[in-house]
Amino acid sequence: MSSALKGLSNTFKTLSISTSISIRRSIATTSAVAPSSPPSQETPAAAPAPTWTPETQRTGVLARKQGMTCLWDEDGARIPVTVLHLDQVQVLSSQSYPSTSTTPARHSVTLGCSPRRAKTTRGALLGQFVKAGIDPKMKVVEFPVTEDAVLRPGTTLSAIHFVPGQYVDVQAPSIGKGFQGVMKRHGFAGLRASHGVSISHRSHGSTGQHQDPGRVFPGKKMAGRMGGKLVTTQNLLVHRIDTLHNVLYVRGAVPGPPGGFVRVVDAKKKVGWKARSRASKGLDREKGEVLDGVKTLPMPAGTVEMAEGLPREIMSNKAK
């Protein structure tokens, strides 16, 4: 009985080995006869560049304030300007949030400015820079945008993001002055300088009334910390741009100390509201201008690739 079982087991082993060999030969023959088809070489057509409209909200930029200087026009008029340097401004990431029952869909672009060493960058933030494929940055901010102004990570912005002749809004922390009195902080006249005052020449005087109301009202102008707060200056004219060094020359004063970071965006009133008003009235449609003297704005942003071939300096022709 045992010899019969041994014979059956040997027969099954021989059949399994011959079956596996035939299967391998059939697979090899099939692969040799029917080679895999090559991958398709067709590439999708590039989407056309979006066009700026009065409803478009472009990203702003981060710039370093270099200080103030003066320029002169053809008539010899002196124009005070602030120099803003776009120091390797690159896109870190773009976010899109779907609409909900209470909020509409929104989009944003995160930018970084001024390179820094990797060893001085926090690990969590360093991973975001590595993912975007850019060098670590000293300052990172987020700007809300519309869907047609979303940018790809790694995009480098140039000074041509703004057109000479358009208006911008700038925002930066003001210079901190520390604890100051009311004469410096609020412009009080102070008390009498000679007669009738004893060692209280720069005091604020009375701060309240009598038993009724018996307290000092909130918001009373008194001594305290001065400066160091976020200040927004609206409607500054872009007088000139330098495409070689990525520099903006903006008419007027910009808050913050030299070397500080400044947020620069399209003016809310003289770009957004003004363009919508002109579009509704049909002004300068035959000229193709969206603003006074401005035909369009770079979309979705002014990049270093767009700046190639342009003159080094482009100036506004608007009068002072």
Protein backbone atom coordinates (compact mmCIF):
# COMPACT_ATOMS: atom_id res chain seq x y z
CA MET A 1 0.00 0.00 0.00
CA SER A 2 2.79 2.39 0.86
CA SER A 3 4.58 1.68 -2.44
CA ALA A 4 1.37 2.56 -4.37
CA LEU A 5 1.04 5.92 -2.53
CA LYS A 6 4.68 6.73 -3.23
CA GLY A 7 4.13 6.06 -6.94
CA LEU A 8 1.08 8.36 -7.06
CA SER A 9 2.96 11.21 -5.32
CA ASN A 10 5.85 10.91 -7.81
CA THR A 11 3.38 11.05 -10.71
CA PHE A 12 1.74 14.26 -9.35
CA LYS A 13 5.15 15.94 -8.89
CA THR A 14 6.12 15.12 -12.49
CA LEU A 15 2.82 16.55 -13.82
CA SER A 16 3.14 19.79 -11.80
CA ILE A 17 6.73 20.39 -12.98
CA SER A 18 5.81 19.82 -16.65
CA THR A 19 2.76 22.10 -16.34
CA SER A 20 4.78 24.98 -14.82
CA ILE A 21 7.42 24.65 -17.58
CA SER A 22 4.75 24.83 -20.32
CA ILE A 23 3.14 27.90 -18.70
CA ARG A 24 6.50 29.73 -18.55
CA ARG A 25 7.18 28.92 -22.23
CA SER A 26 3.75 30.21 -23.29
CA ILE A 27 4.26 33.50 -21.35
CA ALA A 28 7.68 34.03 -22.95
CA THR A 29 6.27 33.32 -26.43
CA THR A 30 3.37 35.75 -25.89
CA SER A 31 5.69 38.56 -24.70
CA ALA A 32 7.96 38.06 -27.69
CA VAL A 33 5.10 38.04 -30.21
CA ALA A 34 3.08 40.97 -28.72
CA PRO A 35 5.46 43.71 -27.50
CA SER A 36 4.08 46.49 -25.33
CA SER A 37 2.84 49.55 -27.22
CA PRO A 38 4.95 52.69 -26.80
CA PRO A 39 3.51 55.47 -24.59
CA SER A 40 1.62 58.23 -26.32
CA GLN A 41 3.70 61.33 -27.12
CA GLU A 42 0.76 63.71 -27.36
CA THR A 43 0.94 66.70 -24.99
CA PRO A 44 -2.09 68.76 -24.02
CA ALA A 45 -2.31 72.22 -25.51
CA ALA A 46 -1.21 75.05 -23.22
CA ALA A 47 -4.04 77.09 -21.76
CA PRO A 48 -4.15 80.73 -22.89
CA ALA A 49 -2.92 83.32 -20.42
CA PRO A 50 -5.77 84.94 -18.43
CA THR A 51 -6.65 88.59 -19.00
CA TRP A 52 -6.93 91.14 -16.20
CA THR A 53 -10.45 92.36 -15.48
CA PRO A 54 -11.78 94.81 -12.88
CA GLU A 55 -12.97 91.80 -10.86
CA THR A 56 -9.51 90.22 -10.75
CA GLN A 57 -7.57 90.28 -7.50
CA ARG A 58 -3.89 89.64 -8.13
CA THR A 59 -1.34 88.63 -5.55
CA GLY A 60 0.71 91.32 -3.87
CA VAL A 61 4.47 91.24 -3.36
CA LEU A 62 6.89 91.50 -0.46
CA ALA A 63 9.55 94.20 -0.79
CA ARG A 64 12.42 95.53 1.32
CA LYS A 65 12.35 99.25 1.99
CA GLN A 66 15.71 100.79 1.06
CA GLY A 67 14.94 104.40 2.00
CA MET A 68 13.86 107.59 0.26
CA THR A 69 15.45 109.62 -2.54
CA CYS A 70 14.47 112.27 -5.08
CA LEU A 71 13.88 112.19 -8.82
CA TRP A 72 13.38 115.09 -11.22
CA ASP A 73 11.09 115.18 -14.23
CA GLU A 74 11.70 116.92 -17.57
CA ASP A 75 10.46 120.25 -16.19
CA GLY A 76 12.82 120.09 -13.22
CA ALA A 77 10.11 119.32 -10.66
CA ARG A 78 11.38 117.43 -7.63
CA ILE A 79 9.60 114.12 -6.91
CA PRO A 80 10.19 112.38 -3.55
CA VAL A 81 10.11 108.59 -3.93
CA THR A 82 10.62 105.52 -1.75
CA VAL A 83 12.82 102.72 -3.08
CA LEU A 84 11.39 99.21 -2.65
CA HIS A 85 13.48 96.17 -3.58
CA LEU A 86 11.89 92.83 -4.56
CA ASP A 87 14.55 90.52 -3.09
CA GLN A 88 14.02 87.11 -4.72
CA VAL A 89 10.28 87.02 -4.20
CA GLN A 90 9.07 83.48 -4.95
CA VAL A 91 5.83 81.54 -4.61
CA LEU A 92 5.91 79.04 -1.78
CA SER A 93 2.47 77.49 -2.29
CA SER A 94 -1.07 78.11 -3.52
CA GLN A 95 -4.22 77.12 -1.69
CA SER A 96 -7.80 76.72 -2.87
CA TYR A 97 -10.70 76.31 -0.48
CA PRO A 98 -14.09 75.10 -1.80
CA SER A 99 -17.25 76.97 -1.05
CA THR A 100 -19.47 76.03 1.86
CA SER A 101 -23.03 76.85 2.86
CA THR A 102 -21.85 80.06 4.53
CA THR A 103 -18.64 81.09 2.70
CA PRO A 104 -17.78 81.31 -1.02
CA ALA A 105 -14.79 79.59 -2.60
CA ARG A 106 -11.50 81.36 -1.93
CA HIS A 107 -7.93 81.12 -3.14
CA SER A 108 -4.61 82.37 -1.79
CA VAL A 109 -0.93 82.54 -2.71
CA THR A 110 1.93 82.29 -0.18
CA LEU A 111 5.12 84.23 -1.01
CA GLY A 112 8.60 84.31 0.49
CA CYS A 113 11.15 87.12 0.34
CA SER A 114 14.90 87.46 1.03
CA PRO A 115 16.96 84.24 1.22
CA ARG A 116 18.26 82.92 4.54
CA ARG A 117 20.47 80.04 5.63
CA ALA A 118 18.89 76.64 6.03
CA LYS A 119 20.49 76.12 9.47
CA THR A 120 18.61 79.14 10.86
CA THR A 121 15.23 77.99 9.46
CA ARG A 122 12.80 75.96 11.56
CA GLY A 123 12.37 72.38 10.47
CA ALA A 124 8.62 72.57 9.80
CA LEU A 125 9.06 75.65 7.61
CA LEU A 126 12.14 74.22 5.91
CA GLY A 127 10.12 71.25 4.70
CA GLN A 128 7.72 73.59 2.89
CA PHE A 129 10.59 75.28 1.07
CA VAL A 130 12.05 71.91 0.05
CA LYS A 131 8.65 70.81 -1.25
CA ALA A 132 8.34 74.00 -3.33
CA GLY A 133 11.91 73.65 -4.63
CA ILE A 134 13.06 77.11 -3.51
CA ASP A 135 15.62 78.45 -1.03
CA PRO A 136 14.52 79.29 2.52
CA LYS A 137 13.16 82.82 2.98
CA MET A 138 13.30 85.30 5.82
CA LYS A 139 9.68 86.44 5.53
CA VAL A 140 6.58 84.51 4.43
CA VAL A 141 3.14 86.07 3.86
CA GLU A 142 -0.15 85.01 2.28
CA PHE A 143 -2.22 87.07 -0.19
CA PRO A 144 -5.84 86.39 -1.16
CA VAL A 145 -6.38 86.09 -4.93
CA THR A 146 -9.09 85.19 -7.39
CA GLU A 147 -9.11 81.90 -9.25
CA ASP A 148 -7.57 83.38 -12.42
CA ALA A 149 -4.57 84.74 -10.46
CA VAL A 150 -3.39 81.52 -8.77
CA LEU A 151 0.36 80.90 -9.26
CA ARG A 152 2.46 77.74 -9.37
CA PRO A 153 4.99 77.09 -6.55
CA GLY A 154 8.49 78.19 -7.47
CA THR A 155 7.39 81.16 -9.63
CA THR A 156 9.72 84.16 -9.23
CA LEU A 157 8.09 87.60 -9.33
CA SER A 158 9.64 90.69 -10.88
CA ALA A 159 9.21 94.44 -10.54
CA ILE A 160 7.10 94.42 -13.72
CA HIS A 161 4.30 92.96 -11.62
CA PHE A 162 3.29 96.63 -11.26
CA VAL A 163 2.92 99.00 -14.22
CA PRO A 164 4.35 102.54 -13.97
CA GLY A 165 1.39 104.87 -13.69
CA GLN A 166 -0.78 102.60 -11.55
CA TYR A 167 -1.48 103.06 -7.85
CA VAL A 168 -0.60 100.68 -5.02
CA ASP A 169 -1.35 100.26 -1.33
CA VAL A 170 1.57 99.59 1.01
CA GLN A 171 1.45 98.09 4.49
CA ALA A 172 4.21 97.73 7.09
CA PRO A 173 4.81 98.14 10.85
CA SER A 174 5.68 101.73 11.70
CA ILE A 175 8.93 102.67 13.44
CA GLY A 176 8.65 102.05 17.18
CA LYS A 177 9.28 105.11 19.40
CA GLY A 178 8.87 103.49 22.81
CA PHE A 179 6.96 105.11 25.70
CA GLN A 180 6.29 108.78 24.85
CA GLY A 181 4.40 111.67 26.38
CA VAL A 182 1.30 113.35 25.03
CA MET A 183 3.16 116.20 23.33
CA LYS A 184 5.12 113.83 21.09
CA ARG A 185 2.51 111.09 20.85
CA HIS A 186 -0.61 113.20 20.25
CA GLY A 187 0.71 116.68 19.49
CA PHE A 188 -0.53 118.33 22.69
CA ALA A 189 0.59 121.93 23.25
CA GLY A 190 1.54 121.28 26.86
CA LEU A 191 1.14 123.69 29.77
CA ARG A 192 2.67 127.15 30.15
CA ALA A 193 6.42 127.28 29.80
CA SER A 194 7.15 129.97 32.45
CA HIS A 195 4.58 131.34 34.90
CA GLY A 196 1.92 129.44 36.78
CA VAL A 197 3.27 125.90 36.25
CA SER A 198 5.56 123.95 38.54
CA ILE A 199 7.47 121.09 36.91
CA SER A 200 4.47 120.11 34.75
CA HIS A 201 5.28 121.87 31.51
CA ARG A 202 4.80 118.77 29.29
CA SER A 203 1.95 117.10 31.17
CA HIS A 204 -1.47 116.38 29.68
CA GLY A 205 -3.47 118.18 32.32
CA SER A 206 -6.87 117.00 33.51
CA THR A 207 -8.05 113.60 32.32
CA GLY A 208 -11.64 113.56 33.62
CA GLN A 209 -14.47 115.33 35.43
CA HIS A 210 -15.79 115.19 38.99
CA GLN A 211 -17.62 112.51 40.94
CA ASP A 212 -19.89 112.05 37.95
CA PRO A 213 -18.84 110.08 35.90
CA GLY A 214 -15.99 109.41 38.32
CA ARG A 215 -13.78 107.65 35.79
CA VAL A 216 -11.55 108.24 32.79
CA PHE A 217 -13.30 107.41 29.52
CA PRO A 218 -11.77 104.66 27.37
CA GLY A 219 -9.72 105.96 24.46
CA LYS A 220 -8.52 109.08 26.30
CA LYS A 221 -5.35 110.45 24.71
CA MET A 222 -2.62 109.89 27.26
CA ALA A 223 1.04 108.95 27.40
CA GLY A 224 1.93 105.46 26.22
CA ARG A 225 3.76 103.35 23.67
CA MET A 226 4.14 105.05 20.31
CA GLY A 227 4.69 103.40 16.93
CA GLY A 228 5.32 99.74 16.16
CA LYS A 229 1.82 99.26 14.76
CA LEU A 230 0.69 98.02 11.34
CA VAL A 231 0.13 101.06 9.10
CA THR A 232 -1.48 101.07 5.65
CA THR A 233 -0.83 103.89 3.17
CA GLN A 234 -3.17 103.94 0.20
CA ASN A 235 -2.95 105.23 -3.36
CA LEU A 236 0.79 105.68 -3.90
CA LEU A 237 1.80 106.10 -7.54
CA VAL A 238 4.37 103.74 -9.07
CA HIS A 239 6.69 106.33 -10.65
CA ARG A 240 9.42 104.07 -12.05
CA ILE A 241 10.52 100.44 -12.10
CA ASP A 242 14.01 98.98 -12.58
CA THR A 243 13.74 95.59 -14.29
CA LEU A 244 17.44 94.79 -13.85
CA HIS A 245 17.57 95.14 -10.05
CA ASN A 246 13.84 94.50 -9.37
CA VAL A 247 13.28 97.90 -7.78
CA LEU A 248 10.10 99.97 -7.45
CA TYR A 249 10.15 103.75 -7.10
CA VAL A 250 6.94 104.76 -5.32
CA ARG A 251 5.93 108.40 -4.86
CA GLY A 252 5.59 109.42 -1.25
CA ALA A 253 6.48 107.93 2.12
CA VAL A 254 6.17 104.27 3.07
CA PRO A 255 5.83 103.21 6.74
CA GLY A 256 8.59 101.26 8.45
CA PRO A 257 12.36 101.55 8.89
CA PRO A 258 14.92 101.00 6.10
CA GLY A 259 15.41 97.28 5.59
CA GLY A 260 11.91 96.45 6.78
CA PHE A 261 9.47 94.26 4.88
CA VAL A 262 6.59 95.98 3.07
CA ARG A 263 3.46 94.43 1.56
CA VAL A 264 2.65 96.02 -1.81
CA VAL A 265 -0.70 95.32 -3.51
CA ASP A 266 -2.84 96.87 -6.24
CA ALA A 267 -4.66 99.89 -4.84
CA LYS A 268 -8.10 98.93 -3.61
CA LYS A 269 -9.65 102.28 -4.56
CA LYS A 270 -7.70 103.61 -7.54
CA VAL A 271 -7.27 100.25 -9.26
CA GLY A 272 -10.13 97.96 -8.24
CA TRP A 273 -12.96 100.44 -7.65
CA LYS A 274 -11.75 102.85 -10.33
CA ALA A 275 -11.52 100.15 -13.01
CA ARG A 276 -15.02 98.88 -12.21
CA SER A 277 -16.39 102.41 -12.41
CA ARG A 278 -14.69 103.07 -15.75
CA ALA A 279 -15.90 99.75 -17.15
CA SER A 280 -19.51 100.46 -16.18
CA LYS A 281 -19.33 103.91 -17.84
CA GLY A 282 -17.47 102.64 -20.90
CA LEU A 283 -14.60 105.13 -20.57
CA ASP A 284 -11.64 104.77 -22.97
CA ARG A 285 -12.88 101.51 -24.43
CA GLU A 286 -11.69 102.61 -27.86
CA LYS A 287 -8.19 103.12 -26.42
CA GLY A 288 -8.22 99.71 -24.75
CA GLU A 289 -7.33 101.19 -21.34
CA VAL A 290 -8.54 99.65 -18.09
CA LEU A 291 -7.13 102.58 -16.08
CA ASP A 292 -6.02 106.09 -16.96
CA GLY A 293 -2.90 105.52 -19.09
CA VAL A 294 -2.77 101.77 -18.27
CA LYS A 295 -3.93 99.25 -20.87
CA THR A 296 -3.69 96.13 -18.70
CA LEU A 297 -1.84 94.53 -15.80
CA PRO A 298 0.40 91.43 -16.05
CA MET A 299 -1.54 88.23 -15.51
CA PRO A 300 -1.50 86.11 -13.51
CA ALA A 301 1.58 87.98 -12.24
CA GLY A 302 4.69 89.78 -13.47
CA THR A 303 7.45 87.17 -13.57
CA VAL A 304 11.15 87.32 -14.38
CA GLU A 305 10.44 85.59 -17.70
CA MET A 306 8.16 88.47 -18.71
CA ALA A 307 10.87 91.00 -17.83
CA GLU A 308 13.31 89.57 -20.38
CA GLY A 309 13.77 91.90 -23.32
CA LEU A 310 12.22 94.92 -21.58
CA PRO A 311 14.14 98.19 -21.03
CA ARG A 312 16.05 98.48 -17.80
CA GLU A 313 14.00 101.44 -16.55
CA ILE A 314 10.35 102.17 -17.30
CA MET A 315 8.91 105.48 -16.08
CA SER A 316 5.41 106.84 -15.65
CA ASN A 317 4.37 109.82 -17.76
CA LYS A 318 1.85 111.13 -15.21
CA ALA A 319 2.38 114.65 -13.91
CA LYS A 320 3.16 115.28 -10.29
